[in-house]
Amino acid sequence: MILSIESSCDDSSIAITEIATKKILYHKKISQEEQHSVYGGVVPELASRLHAVALPEILKETKPYFGKLKAIAVTNQPGLGVTLLEGITMAKTLASLLDIPLIPVHHLKGHIYSLFIEKESTLPLLVLLISGGHTQVIRIECFERMEILATSMDDSVGESFDKCAKMMGLGYPGGPLIEALALKGDENRFDLPVPLRNSPLIAFSLSGLKNAVRLKVEACGGAENMREQDKADLSASFQKAVTLHLLQKSKKIFAKEPIKNFAIVGGASANTYIRNAYKTLCQTFGKTLHVAPLEYCSDNAAMIGRYALEAYEKKQFIDPNKIDIVSTKKHQSGMLL
């Protein structure tokens, strides 16, 4: 079995995955959403302190599996440095005490492998990764070769949902709140710009759209004076503009890429409106859409463990004393290391 740890942001999570069957034998995640909602976003130092409490509590429940562990896997990049450190410190200690290999896992690759939890992988594959920190299209030819074809020039999809929700006084995290409100709204009421609509660039940009939402909020008298219907309509209009932007750039990539399997991963991939839009787009281009189960869209240790299964077979281990923390948030086009 492999014990995997995830602490890249505000979710403390540990999983146990059986190597031979790929089955998840144990998985637990403790979210910090309630504690961070007071501040309208994640406070790194607070997140680190909460991980320091939650991770050891979860680990206690996994002790019955210790005798059968063959490796420890942990997220080491990208993410918040102070929160990554909590998971890495635990992983290094466990690997050293149990005298078993340590597997470093790139968080984005973990999201990709969330598609394959408890089953075989489907490769080659095109992936749209939309999360709180990233918006990217990645071509995966095989386990060793993943290339970023397009990325965001500024805000990510998840980040934009959170910030727009904060502008409207909705709370945190913003994605589920905006999606729920949008169901009651008129997506055509507010005329919001679709980013880079007339640009040949195959890239993503949401800062301009976010600013347009801010101006609409101000025109309504600010969050405190907005009617519930105003918020619903603006949520629906914003969600529509984001989706049109993603679809427009994806069409350009679909026209060039012959790979038939396409997937959406990351926390924002749980958005049903976006999923349905891509279902239609994939049908148009003759591609097969893959999505991760909803419980594995946001950060979790099960996806880290699934990636680790592949790394374990290839003996991609690291000396516990040499594992690095890479907290860089943005990734440019090119190879996903």
C-alpha atoms as a PDB file:
ATOM      1  CA  MET A   1       0.000   0.000   0.000  1.00  0.00           C
ATOM      2  CA  ILE A   2       0.951   3.659  -0.456  1.00  0.00           C
ATOM      3  CA  LEU A   3       0.142   6.366   2.065  1.00  0.00           C
ATOM      4  CA  SER A   4      -0.364   9.740   0.376  1.00  0.00           C
ATOM      5  CA  ILE A   5      -0.520  13.228   1.891  1.00  0.00           C
ATOM      6  CA  GLU A   6      -1.974  16.443   0.443  1.00  0.00           C
ATOM      7  CA  SER A   7      -1.513  19.882   2.078  1.00  0.00           C
ATOM      8  CA  SER A   8      -0.864  22.284  -0.804  1.00  0.00           C
ATOM      9  CA  CYS A   9      -3.506  24.817   0.290  1.00  0.00           C
ATOM     10  CA  ASP A  10      -6.434  24.577   2.708  1.00  0.00           C
ATOM     11  CA  ASP A  11      -7.386  20.883   2.642  1.00  0.00           C
ATOM     12  CA  SER A  12      -5.683  18.396   4.978  1.00  0.00           C
ATOM     13  CA  SER A  13      -5.939  14.954   3.426  1.00  0.00           C
ATOM     14  CA  ILE A  14      -4.421  11.476   3.746  1.00  0.00           C
ATOM     15  CA  ALA A  15      -5.210   8.347   1.740  1.00  0.00           C
ATOM     16  CA  ILE A  16      -4.169   4.697   1.635  1.00  0.00           C
ATOM     17  CA  THR A  17      -4.132   3.092  -1.824  1.00  0.00           C
ATOM     18  CA  GLU A  18      -3.583  -0.597  -2.514  1.00  0.00           C
ATOM     19  CA  ILE A  19      -0.882  -1.049  -5.143  1.00  0.00           C
ATOM     20  CA  ALA A  20      -2.114  -4.267  -6.771  1.00  0.00           C
ATOM     21  CA  THR A  21      -5.786  -3.280  -7.175  1.00  0.00           C
ATOM     22  CA  LYS A  22      -5.579   0.554  -7.225  1.00  0.00           C
ATOM     23  CA  LYS A  23      -8.369   0.526  -4.633  1.00  0.00           C
ATOM     24  CA  ILE A  24      -8.646   3.270  -2.035  1.00  0.00           C
ATOM     25  CA  LEU A  25      -8.650   1.571   1.360  1.00  0.00           C
ATOM     26  CA  TYR A  26      -8.789   4.782   3.360  1.00  0.00           C
ATOM     27  CA  HIS A  27      -9.363   8.424   2.507  1.00  0.00           C
ATOM     28  CA  LYS A  28     -10.104  11.393   4.709  1.00  0.00           C
ATOM     29  CA  LYS A  29     -10.074  15.122   4.105  1.00  0.00           C
ATOM     30  CA  ILE A  30     -10.573  17.953   6.578  1.00  0.00           C
ATOM     31  CA  SER A  31     -11.502  21.245   4.928  1.00  0.00           C
ATOM     32  CA  GLN A  32     -10.613  24.646   6.354  1.00  0.00           C
ATOM     33  CA  GLU A  33     -13.283  26.554   4.433  1.00  0.00           C
ATOM     34  CA  GLU A  34     -15.176  27.638   7.533  1.00  0.00           C
ATOM     35  CA  GLN A  35     -12.095  29.126   9.198  1.00  0.00           C
ATOM     36  CA  HIS A  36     -10.959  31.011   6.081  1.00  0.00           C
ATOM     37  CA  SER A  37     -14.436  32.238   5.055  1.00  0.00           C
ATOM     38  CA  VAL A  38     -14.174  34.980   7.694  1.00  0.00           C
ATOM     39  CA  TYR A  39     -11.325  36.495   5.664  1.00  0.00           C
ATOM     40  CA  GLY A  40     -12.818  35.919   2.223  1.00  0.00           C
ATOM     41  CA  GLY A  41      -9.902  33.724   1.132  1.00  0.00           C
ATOM     42  CA  VAL A  42      -7.094  31.491   2.335  1.00  0.00           C
ATOM     43  CA  VAL A  43      -4.724  32.929   4.955  1.00  0.00           C
ATOM     44  CA  PRO A  44      -1.472  30.927   4.546  1.00  0.00           C
ATOM     45  CA  GLU A  45      -0.261  31.122   8.159  1.00  0.00           C
ATOM     46  CA  LEU A  46      -3.672  30.082   9.480  1.00  0.00           C
ATOM     47  CA  ALA A  47      -3.816  27.230   6.973  1.00  0.00           C
ATOM     48  CA  SER A  48      -0.403  26.008   8.123  1.00  0.00           C
ATOM     49  CA  ARG A  49      -1.458  25.967  11.789  1.00  0.00           C
ATOM     50  CA  LEU A  50      -4.657  24.082  10.966  1.00  0.00           C
ATOM     51  CA  HIS A  51      -2.697  21.479   8.956  1.00  0.00           C
ATOM     52  CA  ALA A  52      -0.395  20.992  11.938  1.00  0.00           C
ATOM     53  CA  VAL A  53      -3.431  19.946  13.981  1.00  0.00           C
ATOM     54  CA  ALA A  54      -5.486  18.063  11.374  1.00  0.00           C
ATOM     55  CA  LEU A  55      -2.839  15.942   9.649  1.00  0.00           C
ATOM     56  CA  PRO A  56      -1.637  14.140  12.818  1.00  0.00           C
ATOM     57  CA  GLU A  57      -5.259  13.487  13.806  1.00  0.00           C
ATOM     58  CA  ILE A  58      -5.974  11.862  10.436  1.00  0.00           C
ATOM     59  CA  LEU A  59      -2.691   9.937  10.526  1.00  0.00           C
ATOM     60  CA  LYS A  60      -3.702   8.233  13.787  1.00  0.00           C
ATOM     61  CA  GLU A  61      -6.516   6.478  11.907  1.00  0.00           C
ATOM     62  CA  THR A  62      -4.088   4.998   9.355  1.00  0.00           C
ATOM     63  CA  LYS A  63      -1.807   3.215  11.833  1.00  0.00           C
ATOM     64  CA  PRO A  64      -3.392  -0.222  11.201  1.00  0.00           C
ATOM     65  CA  TYR A  65      -2.031  -0.009   7.624  1.00  0.00           C
ATOM     66  CA  PHE A  66       1.565   0.870   8.551  1.00  0.00           C
ATOM     67  CA  GLY A  67       2.817  -2.734   8.384  1.00  0.00           C
ATOM     68  CA  LYS A  68       1.886  -3.032   4.704  1.00  0.00           C
ATOM     69  CA  LEU A  69       3.095   0.336   3.461  1.00  0.00           C
ATOM     70  CA  LYS A  70       5.595   0.224   0.591  1.00  0.00           C
ATOM     71  CA  ALA A  71       5.971   4.000   0.045  1.00  0.00           C
ATOM     72  CA  ILE A  72       4.928   7.463   1.229  1.00  0.00           C
ATOM     73  CA  ALA A  73       3.742  10.010  -1.345  1.00  0.00           C
ATOM     74  CA  VAL A  74       3.361  13.732  -0.724  1.00  0.00           C
ATOM     75  CA  THR A  75       2.566  16.890  -2.687  1.00  0.00           C
ATOM     76  CA  ASN A  76       5.696  19.028  -2.910  1.00  0.00           C
ATOM     77  CA  GLN A  77       4.664  21.521  -5.623  1.00  0.00           C
ATOM     78  CA  PRO A  78       3.036  23.882  -6.462  1.00  0.00           C
ATOM     79  CA  GLY A  79       1.184  25.422  -3.541  1.00  0.00           C
ATOM     80  CA  LEU A  80       1.628  27.571  -0.461  1.00  0.00           C
ATOM     81  CA  GLY A  81       5.122  27.052   0.938  1.00  0.00           C
ATOM     82  CA  VAL A  82       4.043  27.061   4.590  1.00  0.00           C
ATOM     83  CA  THR A  83       1.294  24.497   4.007  1.00  0.00           C
ATOM     84  CA  LEU A  84       3.353  22.242   1.737  1.00  0.00           C
ATOM     85  CA  LEU A  85       5.929  22.132   4.529  1.00  0.00           C
ATOM     86  CA  GLU A  86       3.445  20.538   6.941  1.00  0.00           C
ATOM     87  CA  GLY A  87       2.756  17.593   4.624  1.00  0.00           C
ATOM     88  CA  ILE A  88       6.381  17.204   3.570  1.00  0.00           C
ATOM     89  CA  THR A  89       7.629  17.178   7.165  1.00  0.00           C
ATOM     90  CA  MET A  90       5.192  14.377   8.012  1.00  0.00           C
ATOM     91  CA  ALA A  91       6.094  12.427   4.854  1.00  0.00           C
ATOM     92  CA  LYS A  92       9.842  12.674   5.492  1.00  0.00           C
ATOM     93  CA  THR A  93       9.390  11.499   9.068  1.00  0.00           C
ATOM     94  CA  LEU A  94       7.225   8.527   8.061  1.00  0.00           C
ATOM     95  CA  ALA A  95       9.531   7.463   5.223  1.00  0.00           C
ATOM     96  CA  SER A  96      12.552   7.595   7.527  1.00  0.00           C
ATOM     97  CA  LEU A  97      10.928   5.813  10.484  1.00  0.00           C
ATOM     98  CA  LEU A  98       9.361   3.058   8.362  1.00  0.00           C
ATOM     99  CA  ASP A  99      12.424   2.860   6.086  1.00  0.00           C
ATOM    100  CA  ILE A 100      10.362   2.981   2.882  1.00  0.00           C
ATOM    101  CA  PRO A 101      10.688   5.128  -0.293  1.00  0.00           C
ATOM    102  CA  LEU A 102       9.395   8.688  -0.551  1.00  0.00           C
ATOM    103  CA  ILE A 103       7.564   9.820  -3.710  1.00  0.00           C
ATOM    104  CA  PRO A 104       7.276  13.578  -4.469  1.00  0.00           C
ATOM    105  CA  VAL A 105       4.101  14.455  -6.386  1.00  0.00           C
ATOM    106  CA  HIS A 106       3.404  17.486  -8.553  1.00  0.00           C
ATOM    107  CA  HIS A 107      -0.016  18.760  -7.495  1.00  0.00           C
ATOM    108  CA  LEU A 108      -1.238  19.374 -11.061  1.00  0.00           C
ATOM    109  CA  LYS A 109      -0.287  15.854 -12.099  1.00  0.00           C
ATOM    110  CA  GLY A 110      -2.277  14.662  -9.121  1.00  0.00           C
ATOM    111  CA  HIS A 111      -5.338  16.468 -10.482  1.00  0.00           C
ATOM    112  CA  ILE A 112      -4.833  14.771 -13.837  1.00  0.00           C
ATOM    113  CA  TYR A 113      -4.697  11.356 -12.187  1.00  0.00           C
ATOM    114  CA  SER A 114      -7.896  12.083 -10.256  1.00  0.00           C
ATOM    115  CA  LEU A 115      -9.516  10.882 -13.478  1.00  0.00           C
ATOM    116  CA  PHE A 116      -8.080   7.408 -12.927  1.00  0.00           C
ATOM    117  CA  ILE A 117      -8.785   6.768  -9.253  1.00  0.00           C
ATOM    118  CA  GLU A 118      -9.481   3.040  -8.802  1.00  0.00           C
ATOM    119  CA  LYS A 119      -9.123   2.350 -12.536  1.00  0.00           C
ATOM    120  CA  GLU A 120      -6.624   2.199 -15.384  1.00  0.00           C
ATOM    121  CA  SER A 121      -5.425   5.378 -17.062  1.00  0.00           C
ATOM    122  CA  THR A 122      -6.696   6.543 -20.460  1.00  0.00           C
ATOM    123  CA  LEU A 123      -3.836   8.029 -22.474  1.00  0.00           C
ATOM    124  CA  PRO A 124      -3.070  10.016 -24.609  1.00  0.00           C
ATOM    125  CA  LEU A 125      -5.334  12.744 -23.311  1.00  0.00           C
ATOM    126  CA  LEU A 126      -6.046  16.462 -23.560  1.00  0.00           C
ATOM    127  CA  VAL A 127      -6.865  18.058 -20.211  1.00  0.00           C
ATOM    128  CA  LEU A 128      -8.386  21.372 -19.173  1.00  0.00           C
ATOM    129  CA  LEU A 129      -7.238  22.034 -15.613  1.00  0.00           C
ATOM    130  CA  ILE A 130      -9.300  24.717 -13.870  1.00  0.00           C
ATOM    131  CA  SER A 131      -8.626  25.281 -10.188  1.00  0.00           C
ATOM    132  CA  GLY A 132      -8.069  27.995  -7.614  1.00  0.00           C
ATOM    133  CA  GLY A 133      -4.516  28.540  -8.801  1.00  0.00           C
ATOM    134  CA  HIS A 134      -4.388  27.397 -12.423  1.00  0.00           C
ATOM    135  CA  THR A 135      -6.153  27.494 -15.768  1.00  0.00           C
ATOM    136  CA  GLN A 136      -4.331  25.371 -18.328  1.00  0.00           C
ATOM    137  CA  VAL A 137      -4.761  23.012 -21.231  1.00  0.00           C
ATOM    138  CA  ILE A 138      -2.293  20.136 -21.050  1.00  0.00           C
ATOM    139  CA  ARG A 139      -1.455  17.444 -23.576  1.00  0.00           C
ATOM    140  CA  ILE A 140      -0.597  14.142 -21.875  1.00  0.00           C
ATOM    141  CA  GLU A 141       1.066  11.695 -24.220  1.00  0.00           C
ATOM    142  CA  CYS A 142       2.242   9.331 -21.492  1.00  0.00           C
ATOM    143  CA  PHE A 143       3.184   9.366 -17.811  1.00  0.00           C
ATOM    144  CA  GLU A 144       6.586  10.885 -18.557  1.00  0.00           C
ATOM    145  CA  ARG A 145       5.472  13.471 -21.112  1.00  0.00           C
ATOM    146  CA  MET A 146       2.984  16.231 -20.337  1.00  0.00           C
ATOM    147  CA  GLU A 147       3.016  19.556 -22.148  1.00  0.00           C
ATOM    148  CA  ILE A 148       1.164  22.762 -21.268  1.00  0.00           C
ATOM    149  CA  LEU A 149      -0.452  24.076 -24.460  1.00  0.00           C
ATOM    150  CA  ALA A 150      -2.164  27.129 -22.970  1.00  0.00           C
ATOM    151  CA  THR A 151      -2.207  28.832 -19.601  1.00  0.00           C
ATOM    152  CA  SER A 152      -3.665  31.885 -17.864  1.00  0.00           C
ATOM    153  CA  MET A 153      -1.926  35.239 -18.183  1.00  0.00           C
ATOM    154  CA  ASP A 154      -3.409  36.411 -14.878  1.00  0.00           C
ATOM    155  CA  ASP A 155      -6.239  35.091 -12.690  1.00  0.00           C
ATOM    156  CA  SER A 156      -7.322  31.460 -12.729  1.00  0.00           C
ATOM    157  CA  VAL A 157     -10.939  30.339 -13.101  1.00  0.00           C
ATOM    158  CA  GLY A 158     -11.295  29.337  -9.458  1.00  0.00           C
ATOM    159  CA  GLU A 159      -9.608  32.505  -8.243  1.00  0.00           C
ATOM    160  CA  SER A 160     -11.966  34.632 -10.353  1.00  0.00           C
ATOM    161  CA  PHE A 161     -15.055  32.885  -8.997  1.00  0.00           C
ATOM    162  CA  ASP A 162     -13.800  33.487  -5.442  1.00  0.00           C
ATOM    163  CA  LYS A 163     -12.995  37.153  -6.022  1.00  0.00           C
ATOM    164  CA  CYS A 164     -16.275  37.916  -7.797  1.00  0.00           C
ATOM    165  CA  ALA A 165     -18.189  36.192  -5.022  1.00  0.00           C
ATOM    166  CA  LYS A 166     -16.355  38.359  -2.512  1.00  0.00           C
ATOM    167  CA  MET A 167     -17.278  41.499  -4.503  1.00  0.00           C
ATOM    168  CA  MET A 168     -20.940  40.531  -4.209  1.00  0.00           C
ATOM    169  CA  GLY A 169     -20.614  39.717  -0.511  1.00  0.00           C
ATOM    170  CA  LEU A 170     -21.432  36.041  -1.023  1.00  0.00           C
ATOM    171  CA  GLY A 171     -18.676  34.424   1.028  1.00  0.00           C
ATOM    172  CA  TYR A 172     -15.953  31.831   0.471  1.00  0.00           C
ATOM    173  CA  PRO A 173     -15.376  29.598  -1.437  1.00  0.00           C
ATOM    174  CA  GLY A 174     -17.038  31.450  -4.266  1.00  0.00           C
ATOM    175  CA  GLY A 175     -17.385  28.756  -6.933  1.00  0.00           C
ATOM    176  CA  PRO A 176     -20.276  26.760  -5.428  1.00  0.00           C
ATOM    177  CA  LEU A 177     -22.012  29.943  -4.231  1.00  0.00           C
ATOM    178  CA  ILE A 178     -21.980  31.573  -7.666  1.00  0.00           C
ATOM    179  CA  GLU A 179     -23.056  28.345  -9.384  1.00  0.00           C
ATOM    180  CA  ALA A 180     -26.027  27.952  -7.022  1.00  0.00           C
ATOM    181  CA  LEU A 181     -27.093  31.582  -7.444  1.00  0.00           C
ATOM    182  CA  ALA A 182     -26.706  31.379 -11.226  1.00  0.00           C
ATOM    183  CA  LEU A 183     -29.448  28.749 -11.351  1.00  0.00           C
ATOM    184  CA  LYS A 184     -31.883  31.468 -10.296  1.00  0.00           C
ATOM    185  CA  GLY A 185     -30.462  34.173 -12.551  1.00  0.00           C
ATOM    186  CA  ASP A 186     -30.749  35.582 -16.059  1.00  0.00           C
ATOM    187  CA  GLU A 187     -27.397  35.007 -17.780  1.00  0.00           C
ATOM    188  CA  ASN A 188     -28.215  37.587 -20.444  1.00  0.00           C
ATOM    189  CA  ARG A 189     -29.088  40.494 -18.162  1.00  0.00           C
ATOM    190  CA  PHE A 190     -25.554  41.853 -17.699  1.00  0.00           C
ATOM    191  CA  ASP A 191     -23.443  42.442 -20.786  1.00  0.00           C
ATOM    192  CA  LEU A 192     -20.028  41.184 -19.701  1.00  0.00           C
ATOM    193  CA  PRO A 193     -17.018  40.932 -22.034  1.00  0.00           C
ATOM    194  CA  VAL A 194     -15.705  37.560 -23.166  1.00  0.00           C
ATOM    195  CA  PRO A 195     -11.931  37.819 -22.596  1.00  0.00           C
ATOM    196  CA  LEU A 196      -9.610  37.725 -25.627  1.00  0.00           C
ATOM    197  CA  ARG A 197     -12.595  37.202 -27.928  1.00  0.00           C
ATOM    198  CA  ASN A 198     -10.904  38.882 -30.876  1.00  0.00           C
ATOM    199  CA  SER A 199      -7.365  37.820 -30.017  1.00  0.00           C
ATOM    200  CA  PRO A 200      -5.548  35.028 -31.887  1.00  0.00           C
ATOM    201  CA  LEU A 201      -3.730  34.138 -28.668  1.00  0.00           C
ATOM    202  CA  ILE A 202      -4.370  30.654 -27.339  1.00  0.00           C
ATOM    203  CA  ALA A 203      -4.270  31.692 -23.714  1.00  0.00           C
ATOM    204  CA  PHE A 204      -6.606  32.578 -20.876  1.00  0.00           C
ATOM    205  CA  SER A 205      -7.183  35.895 -19.100  1.00  0.00           C
ATOM    206  CA  LEU A 206      -9.852  36.721 -16.542  1.00  0.00           C
ATOM    207  CA  SER A 207      -8.644  39.934 -14.906  1.00  0.00           C
ATOM    208  CA  GLY A 208     -10.623  42.127 -17.325  1.00  0.00           C
ATOM    209  CA  LEU A 209     -13.816  40.133 -16.785  1.00  0.00           C
ATOM    210  CA  LYS A 210     -13.324  40.331 -13.034  1.00  0.00           C
ATOM    211  CA  ASN A 211     -13.029  44.125 -13.298  1.00  0.00           C
ATOM    212  CA  ALA A 212     -16.194  44.258 -15.397  1.00  0.00           C
ATOM    213  CA  VAL A 213     -18.030  42.428 -12.613  1.00  0.00           C
ATOM    214  CA  ARG A 214     -16.693  44.970 -10.103  1.00  0.00           C
ATOM    215  CA  LEU A 215     -18.122  47.822 -12.187  1.00  0.00           C
ATOM    216  CA  LYS A 216     -21.527  46.103 -12.355  1.00  0.00           C
ATOM    217  CA  VAL A 217     -21.522  45.649  -8.584  1.00  0.00           C
ATOM    218  CA  GLU A 218     -20.744  49.348  -8.143  1.00  0.00           C
ATOM    219  CA  ALA A 219     -23.489  50.277 -10.616  1.00  0.00           C
ATOM    220  CA  CYS A 220     -25.941  48.346  -8.435  1.00  0.00           C
ATOM    221  CA  GLY A 221     -24.886  50.392  -5.416  1.00  0.00           C
ATOM    222  CA  GLY A 222     -22.342  47.976  -4.006  1.00  0.00           C
ATOM    223  CA  ALA A 223     -22.742  44.493  -2.523  1.00  0.00           C
ATOM    224  CA  GLU A 224     -24.735  45.791   0.458  1.00  0.00           C
ATOM    225  CA  ASN A 225     -27.369  47.370  -1.816  1.00  0.00           C
ATOM    226  CA  MET A 226     -27.648  44.583  -4.418  1.00  0.00           C
ATOM    227  CA  ARG A 227     -30.928  42.708  -4.490  1.00  0.00           C
ATOM    228  CA  GLU A 228     -30.785  38.923  -4.372  1.00  0.00           C
ATOM    229  CA  GLN A 229     -31.950  38.843  -7.994  1.00  0.00           C
ATOM    230  CA  ASP A 230     -29.169  41.258  -8.994  1.00  0.00           C
ATOM    231  CA  LYS A 231     -26.622  38.867  -7.499  1.00  0.00           C
ATOM    232  CA  ALA A 232     -28.246  35.876  -9.189  1.00  0.00           C
ATOM    233  CA  ASP A 233     -28.291  37.594 -12.584  1.00  0.00           C
ATOM    234  CA  LEU A 234     -24.691  38.791 -12.259  1.00  0.00           C
ATOM    235  CA  SER A 235     -23.577  35.340 -11.140  1.00  0.00           C
ATOM    236  CA  ALA A 236     -25.235  33.748 -14.163  1.00  0.00           C
ATOM    237  CA  SER A 237     -23.809  36.357 -16.546  1.00  0.00           C
ATOM    238  CA  PHE A 238     -20.310  35.935 -15.099  1.00  0.00           C
ATOM    239  CA  GLN A 239     -20.463  32.143 -15.275  1.00  0.00           C
ATOM    240  CA  LYS A 240     -21.609  32.356 -18.894  1.00  0.00           C
ATOM    241  CA  ALA A 241     -18.765  34.716 -19.882  1.00  0.00           C
ATOM    242  CA  VAL A 242     -16.143  32.503 -18.216  1.00  0.00           C
ATOM    243  CA  THR A 243     -17.481  29.435 -19.991  1.00  0.00           C
ATOM    244  CA  LEU A 244     -17.605  31.147 -23.391  1.00  0.00           C
ATOM    245  CA  HIS A 245     -13.980  32.216 -22.907  1.00  0.00           C
ATOM    246  CA  LEU A 246     -12.875  28.678 -22.061  1.00  0.00           C
ATOM    247  CA  LEU A 247     -14.819  27.222 -24.986  1.00  0.00           C
ATOM    248  CA  GLN A 248     -13.491  29.748 -27.504  1.00  0.00           C
ATOM    249  CA  LYS A 249      -9.852  28.963 -26.716  1.00  0.00           C
ATOM    250  CA  SER A 250     -10.536  25.231 -26.436  1.00  0.00           C
ATOM    251  CA  LYS A 251     -12.031  25.216 -29.939  1.00  0.00           C
ATOM    252  CA  LYS A 252      -8.748  26.520 -31.327  1.00  0.00           C
ATOM    253  CA  ILE A 253      -6.858  23.737 -29.572  1.00  0.00           C
ATOM    254  CA  PHE A 254      -9.376  21.061 -30.599  1.00  0.00           C
ATOM    255  CA  ALA A 255      -8.948  22.108 -34.233  1.00  0.00           C
ATOM    256  CA  LYS A 256      -5.209  21.361 -34.022  1.00  0.00           C
ATOM    257  CA  GLU A 257      -5.096  18.354 -31.704  1.00  0.00           C
ATOM    258  CA  PRO A 258      -6.099  14.908 -33.033  1.00  0.00           C
ATOM    259  CA  ILE A 259      -6.289  13.305 -29.562  1.00  0.00           C
ATOM    260  CA  LYS A 260      -9.854  12.061 -29.069  1.00  0.00           C
ATOM    261  CA  ASN A 261      -9.976  11.877 -25.266  1.00  0.00           C
ATOM    262  CA  PHE A 262     -10.536  15.158 -23.432  1.00  0.00           C
ATOM    263  CA  ALA A 263     -10.941  15.761 -19.703  1.00  0.00           C
ATOM    264  CA  ILE A 264     -11.705  18.550 -17.243  1.00  0.00           C
ATOM    265  CA  VAL A 265     -10.048  18.411 -13.810  1.00  0.00           C
ATOM    266  CA  GLY A 266      -9.479  20.672 -10.814  1.00  0.00           C
ATOM    267  CA  GLY A 267     -11.804  22.194  -8.236  1.00  0.00           C
ATOM    268  CA  ALA A 268     -13.698  24.361 -10.750  1.00  0.00           C
ATOM    269  CA  SER A 269     -14.385  21.299 -12.923  1.00  0.00           C
ATOM    270  CA  ALA A 270     -17.195  20.440 -10.483  1.00  0.00           C
ATOM    271  CA  ASN A 271     -19.201  23.289 -12.044  1.00  0.00           C
ATOM    272  CA  THR A 272     -22.129  21.612 -13.836  1.00  0.00           C
ATOM    273  CA  TYR A 273     -22.664  24.512 -16.251  1.00  0.00           C
ATOM    274  CA  ILE A 274     -19.074  24.246 -17.494  1.00  0.00           C
ATOM    275  CA  ARG A 275     -19.272  20.440 -17.683  1.00  0.00           C
ATOM    276  CA  ASN A 276     -22.436  20.555 -19.789  1.00  0.00           C
ATOM    277  CA  ALA A 277     -20.943  23.141 -22.149  1.00  0.00           C
ATOM    278  CA  TYR A 278     -17.904  20.933 -22.741  1.00  0.00           C
ATOM    279  CA  LYS A 279     -20.076  17.885 -23.241  1.00  0.00           C
ATOM    280  CA  THR A 280     -21.683  19.676 -26.195  1.00  0.00           C
ATOM    281  CA  LEU A 281     -18.324  20.916 -27.506  1.00  0.00           C
ATOM    282  CA  CYS A 282     -16.806  17.432 -27.382  1.00  0.00           C
ATOM    283  CA  GLN A 283     -19.763  16.006 -29.273  1.00  0.00           C
ATOM    284  CA  THR A 284     -19.247  18.649 -31.960  1.00  0.00           C
ATOM    285  CA  PHE A 285     -15.561  17.782 -32.356  1.00  0.00           C
ATOM    286  CA  GLY A 286     -15.985  14.023 -32.001  1.00  0.00           C
ATOM    287  CA  LYS A 287     -14.103  13.828 -28.711  1.00  0.00           C
ATOM    288  CA  THR A 288     -14.912  11.793 -25.606  1.00  0.00           C
ATOM    289  CA  LEU A 289     -15.309  13.794 -22.401  1.00  0.00           C
ATOM    290  CA  HIS A 290     -13.867  12.484 -19.136  1.00  0.00           C
ATOM    291  CA  VAL A 291     -14.455  14.043 -15.712  1.00  0.00           C
ATOM    292  CA  ALA A 292     -13.355  13.064 -12.234  1.00  0.00           C
ATOM    293  CA  PRO A 293     -15.961  12.084  -9.621  1.00  0.00           C
ATOM    294  CA  LEU A 294     -17.189  15.203  -7.838  1.00  0.00           C
ATOM    295  CA  GLU A 295     -15.647  14.158  -4.508  1.00  0.00           C
ATOM    296  CA  TYR A 296     -12.199  14.095  -6.136  1.00  0.00           C
ATOM    297  CA  CYS A 297     -12.342  17.394  -8.071  1.00  0.00           C
ATOM    298  CA  SER A 298     -10.980  19.550  -5.248  1.00  0.00           C
ATOM    299  CA  ASP A 299      -7.616  18.903  -3.577  1.00  0.00           C
ATOM    300  CA  ASN A 300      -7.396  15.432  -2.052  1.00  0.00           C
ATOM    301  CA  ALA A 301      -4.865  12.753  -1.127  1.00  0.00           C
ATOM    302  CA  ALA A 302      -6.576  10.051  -3.195  1.00  0.00           C
ATOM    303  CA  MET A 303      -5.426  11.707  -6.440  1.00  0.00           C
ATOM    304  CA  ILE A 304      -1.908  12.050  -5.031  1.00  0.00           C
ATOM    305  CA  GLY A 305      -1.970   8.346  -4.239  1.00  0.00           C
ATOM    306  CA  ARG A 306      -3.206   7.420  -7.706  1.00  0.00           C
ATOM    307  CA  TYR A 307      -0.352   9.293  -9.356  1.00  0.00           C
ATOM    308  CA  ALA A 308       2.042   7.704  -6.871  1.00  0.00           C
ATOM    309  CA  LEU A 309       1.052   4.217  -8.072  1.00  0.00           C
ATOM    310  CA  GLU A 310       2.546   4.999 -11.475  1.00  0.00           C
ATOM    311  CA  ALA A 311       5.623   6.632  -9.937  1.00  0.00           C
ATOM    312  CA  TYR A 312       6.128   3.629  -7.641  1.00  0.00           C
ATOM    313  CA  GLU A 313       6.202   1.203 -10.577  1.00  0.00           C
ATOM    314  CA  LYS A 314       8.846   3.388 -12.225  1.00  0.00           C
ATOM    315  CA  LYS A 315      10.790   3.729  -8.949  1.00  0.00           C
ATOM    316  CA  GLN A 316      10.619   7.521  -9.005  1.00  0.00           C
ATOM    317  CA  PHE A 317      11.765   7.951  -5.420  1.00  0.00           C
ATOM    318  CA  ILE A 318      13.619  10.745  -3.667  1.00  0.00           C
ATOM    319  CA  ASP A 319      15.937  10.933  -0.702  1.00  0.00           C
ATOM    320  CA  PRO A 320      13.824  12.289   2.203  1.00  0.00           C
ATOM    321  CA  ASN A 321      16.607  14.768   2.964  1.00  0.00           C
ATOM    322  CA  LYS A 322      16.576  16.161  -0.582  1.00  0.00           C
ATOM    323  CA  ILE A 323      12.899  16.778  -1.261  1.00  0.00           C
ATOM    324  CA  ASP A 324      12.250  20.406  -2.221  1.00  0.00           C
ATOM    325  CA  ILE A 325       9.235  22.632  -1.694  1.00  0.00           C
ATOM    326  CA  VAL A 326       8.230  24.468  -4.868  1.00  0.00           C
ATOM    327  CA  SER A 327       5.565  27.036  -4.041  1.00  0.00           C
ATOM    328  CA  THR A 328       5.425  28.736  -7.466  1.00  0.00           C
ATOM    329  CA  LYS A 329       1.811  29.229  -8.471  1.00  0.00           C
ATOM    330  CA  LYS A 330       1.942  29.987 -12.190  1.00  0.00           C
ATOM    331  CA  HIS A 331       3.287  27.702 -14.924  1.00  0.00           C
ATOM    332  CA  GLN A 332       4.061  28.932 -18.398  1.00  0.00           C
ATOM    333  CA  SER A 333       3.535  26.980 -21.599  1.00  0.00           C
ATOM    334  CA  GLY A 334       5.996  24.161 -22.040  1.00  0.00           C
ATOM    335  CA  MET A 335       6.718  20.876 -20.344  1.00  0.00           C
ATOM    336  CA  LEU A 336       4.937  20.188 -17.067  1.00  0.00           C
ATOM    337  CA  LEU A 337       7.827  18.970 -14.907  1.00  0.00           C
END
